[in-house]
Amino acid sequence: MKLIEKQAQSMKQPLKGIPDIRKARGKRHSVVTVSAIAICSMLRGSKHYNSIWEWTKRVRFT
């Protein structure tokens, strides 16, 4: 299933309320982006951090 830009933006909107409790050192991506990727991965069947990471390496973001 492809996610069009409008759908992706509407999915990210509710995630903007999540507080970012990470330390500033090493942050590369926003908490919204990280959360959205994790949610998509879990919807595809990932159950652990490692499987989320593996899915993220395989998927193509455009």
N, C-alpha and C. Protein backbone atom coordinates (compact mmCIF):
# COMPACT_ATOMS: atom_id res chain seq x y z
N MET A 1 0.84 -1.17 0.00
CA MET A 1 0.00 0.00 0.00
C MET A 1 0.88 1.24 0.00
N LYS A 2 0.60 2.16 -0.88
CA LYS A 2 1.35 3.41 -0.93
C LYS A 2 0.62 4.47 -0.12
N LEU A 3 1.40 5.27 0.55
CA LEU A 3 0.86 6.36 1.34
C LEU A 3 1.16 7.66 0.61
N ILE A 4 0.12 8.35 0.23
CA ILE A 4 0.34 9.61 -0.48
C ILE A 4 0.69 10.71 0.51
N GLU A 5 1.28 11.78 0.00
CA GLU A 5 1.77 12.88 0.85
C GLU A 5 0.70 13.43 1.78
N LYS A 6 -0.50 13.64 1.27
CA LYS A 6 -1.58 14.20 2.09
C LYS A 6 -1.92 13.26 3.25
N GLN A 7 -1.96 11.95 2.98
CA GLN A 7 -2.24 10.98 4.03
C GLN A 7 -1.12 10.96 5.07
N ALA A 8 0.11 11.03 4.60
CA ALA A 8 1.26 11.01 5.51
C ALA A 8 1.22 12.22 6.43
N GLN A 9 0.91 13.39 5.89
CA GLN A 9 0.85 14.60 6.70
C GLN A 9 -0.27 14.51 7.74
N SER A 10 -1.42 13.97 7.36
CA SER A 10 -2.52 13.86 8.31
C SER A 10 -2.20 12.84 9.40
N MET A 11 -1.40 11.83 9.09
CA MET A 11 -1.00 10.85 10.09
C MET A 11 -0.03 11.47 11.10
N LYS A 12 0.83 12.35 10.62
CA LYS A 12 1.83 12.96 11.49
C LYS A 12 1.24 14.02 12.42
N GLN A 13 0.13 14.63 12.03
CA GLN A 13 -0.45 15.73 12.81
C GLN A 13 -0.72 15.36 14.27
N PRO A 14 -1.38 14.24 14.57
CA PRO A 14 -1.63 13.90 15.98
C PRO A 14 -0.36 13.61 16.77
N LEU A 15 0.71 13.24 16.07
CA LEU A 15 1.96 12.90 16.75
C LEU A 15 2.72 14.13 17.23
N LYS A 16 2.34 15.29 16.76
CA LYS A 16 3.05 16.52 17.13
C LYS A 16 2.94 16.85 18.61
N GLY A 17 1.98 16.26 19.31
CA GLY A 17 1.80 16.51 20.73
C GLY A 17 2.70 15.67 21.62
N ILE A 18 3.44 14.73 21.03
CA ILE A 18 4.33 13.86 21.82
C ILE A 18 5.55 14.66 22.26
N PRO A 19 5.81 14.72 23.57
CA PRO A 19 7.00 15.45 24.02
C PRO A 19 8.27 14.68 23.66
N ASP A 20 9.29 15.40 23.29
CA ASP A 20 10.58 14.78 22.94
C ASP A 20 11.47 14.80 24.17
N ILE A 21 11.62 13.64 24.81
CA ILE A 21 12.40 13.56 26.05
C ILE A 21 13.84 13.12 25.80
N ARG A 22 14.21 12.99 24.53
CA ARG A 22 15.57 12.56 24.21
C ARG A 22 16.56 13.68 24.50
N LYS A 23 17.78 13.28 24.79
CA LYS A 23 18.86 14.26 24.95
C LYS A 23 19.22 14.84 23.59
N ALA A 24 19.69 16.07 23.57
CA ALA A 24 20.00 16.75 22.30
C ALA A 24 21.11 16.05 21.53
N ARG A 25 22.04 15.43 22.23
CA ARG A 25 23.17 14.78 21.57
C ARG A 25 22.71 13.60 20.72
N GLY A 26 23.06 13.63 19.47
CA GLY A 26 22.76 12.50 18.58
C GLY A 26 21.40 12.54 17.91
N LYS A 27 20.59 13.55 18.17
CA LYS A 27 19.27 13.63 17.51
C LYS A 27 19.48 13.91 16.03
N ARG A 28 18.88 13.08 15.20
CA ARG A 28 18.95 13.30 13.75
C ARG A 28 17.58 13.56 13.15
N HIS A 29 16.57 12.99 13.77
CA HIS A 29 15.21 13.07 13.22
C HIS A 29 14.26 13.53 14.32
N SER A 30 13.19 14.18 13.90
CA SER A 30 12.20 14.65 14.88
C SER A 30 11.48 13.46 15.52
N VAL A 31 10.96 13.70 16.71
CA VAL A 31 10.21 12.65 17.40
C VAL A 31 8.97 12.26 16.58
N VAL A 32 8.42 13.20 15.83
CA VAL A 32 7.26 12.91 14.98
C VAL A 32 7.65 11.91 13.89
N THR A 33 8.77 12.14 13.24
CA THR A 33 9.23 11.24 12.18
C THR A 33 9.54 9.85 12.72
N VAL A 34 10.26 9.79 13.83
CA VAL A 34 10.62 8.51 14.44
C VAL A 34 9.36 7.75 14.84
N SER A 35 8.41 8.44 15.44
CA SER A 35 7.16 7.80 15.87
C SER A 35 6.36 7.29 14.67
N ALA A 36 6.26 8.09 13.62
CA ALA A 36 5.51 7.69 12.43
C ALA A 36 6.12 6.45 11.78
N ILE A 37 7.44 6.42 11.69
CA ILE A 37 8.12 5.26 11.11
C ILE A 37 7.89 4.03 11.97
N ALA A 38 7.98 4.18 13.29
CA ALA A 38 7.76 3.04 14.19
C ALA A 38 6.33 2.52 14.07
N ILE A 39 5.37 3.41 13.99
CA ILE A 39 3.97 3.00 13.86
C ILE A 39 3.75 2.25 12.55
N CYS A 40 4.27 2.78 11.46
CA CYS A 40 4.13 2.10 10.16
C CYS A 40 4.76 0.71 10.20
N SER A 41 5.91 0.62 10.82
CA SER A 41 6.59 -0.67 10.92
C SER A 41 5.77 -1.66 11.75
N MET A 42 5.20 -1.19 12.84
CA MET A 42 4.38 -2.07 13.68
C MET A 42 3.12 -2.51 12.96
N LEU A 43 2.55 -1.62 12.14
CA LEU A 43 1.38 -2.00 11.35
C LEU A 43 1.73 -3.09 10.34
N ARG A 44 2.99 -3.14 9.94
CA ARG A 44 3.47 -4.17 9.01
C ARG A 44 3.89 -5.45 9.74
N GLY A 45 3.81 -5.45 11.09
CA GLY A 45 4.08 -6.68 11.83
C GLY A 45 5.29 -6.66 12.73
N SER A 46 6.04 -5.58 12.76
CA SER A 46 7.21 -5.50 13.64
C SER A 46 6.75 -5.49 15.10
N LYS A 47 7.50 -6.22 15.95
CA LYS A 47 7.13 -6.30 17.35
C LYS A 47 8.25 -5.86 18.29
N HIS A 48 9.45 -5.70 17.77
CA HIS A 48 10.60 -5.35 18.60
C HIS A 48 11.39 -4.23 17.93
N TYR A 49 12.22 -3.55 18.74
CA TYR A 49 13.04 -2.46 18.21
C TYR A 49 13.88 -2.92 17.02
N ASN A 50 14.45 -4.10 17.15
CA ASN A 50 15.32 -4.60 16.08
C ASN A 50 14.54 -4.81 14.78
N SER A 51 13.33 -5.33 14.86
CA SER A 51 12.56 -5.54 13.64
C SER A 51 12.09 -4.21 13.04
N ILE A 52 11.85 -3.20 13.89
CA ILE A 52 11.52 -1.87 13.38
C ILE A 52 12.72 -1.32 12.61
N TRP A 53 13.91 -1.48 13.18
CA TRP A 53 15.14 -1.02 12.52
C TRP A 53 15.34 -1.73 11.18
N GLU A 54 15.15 -3.04 11.16
CA GLU A 54 15.31 -3.80 9.93
C GLU A 54 14.31 -3.35 8.87
N TRP A 55 13.06 -3.14 9.25
CA TRP A 55 12.05 -2.67 8.30
C TRP A 55 12.42 -1.30 7.75
N THR A 56 12.90 -0.43 8.64
CA THR A 56 13.27 0.92 8.23
C THR A 56 14.39 0.90 7.20
N LYS A 57 15.32 -0.03 7.34
CA LYS A 57 16.42 -0.14 6.36
C LYS A 57 15.92 -0.62 5.01
N ARG A 58 14.87 -1.44 4.99
CA ARG A 58 14.36 -2.01 3.74
C ARG A 58 13.40 -1.10 2.99
N VAL A 59 12.62 -0.31 3.72
CA VAL A 59 11.58 0.51 3.08
C VAL A 59 12.22 1.68 2.34
N ARG A 60 11.56 2.10 1.31
CA ARG A 60 12.07 3.23 0.52
C ARG A 60 11.20 4.45 0.76
N PHE A 61 11.80 5.48 1.34
CA PHE A 61 11.08 6.72 1.61
C PHE A 61 11.33 7.68 0.46
N THR A 62 10.25 8.23 -0.09
CA THR A 62 10.39 9.17 -1.19
C THR A 62 9.72 10.48 -0.87
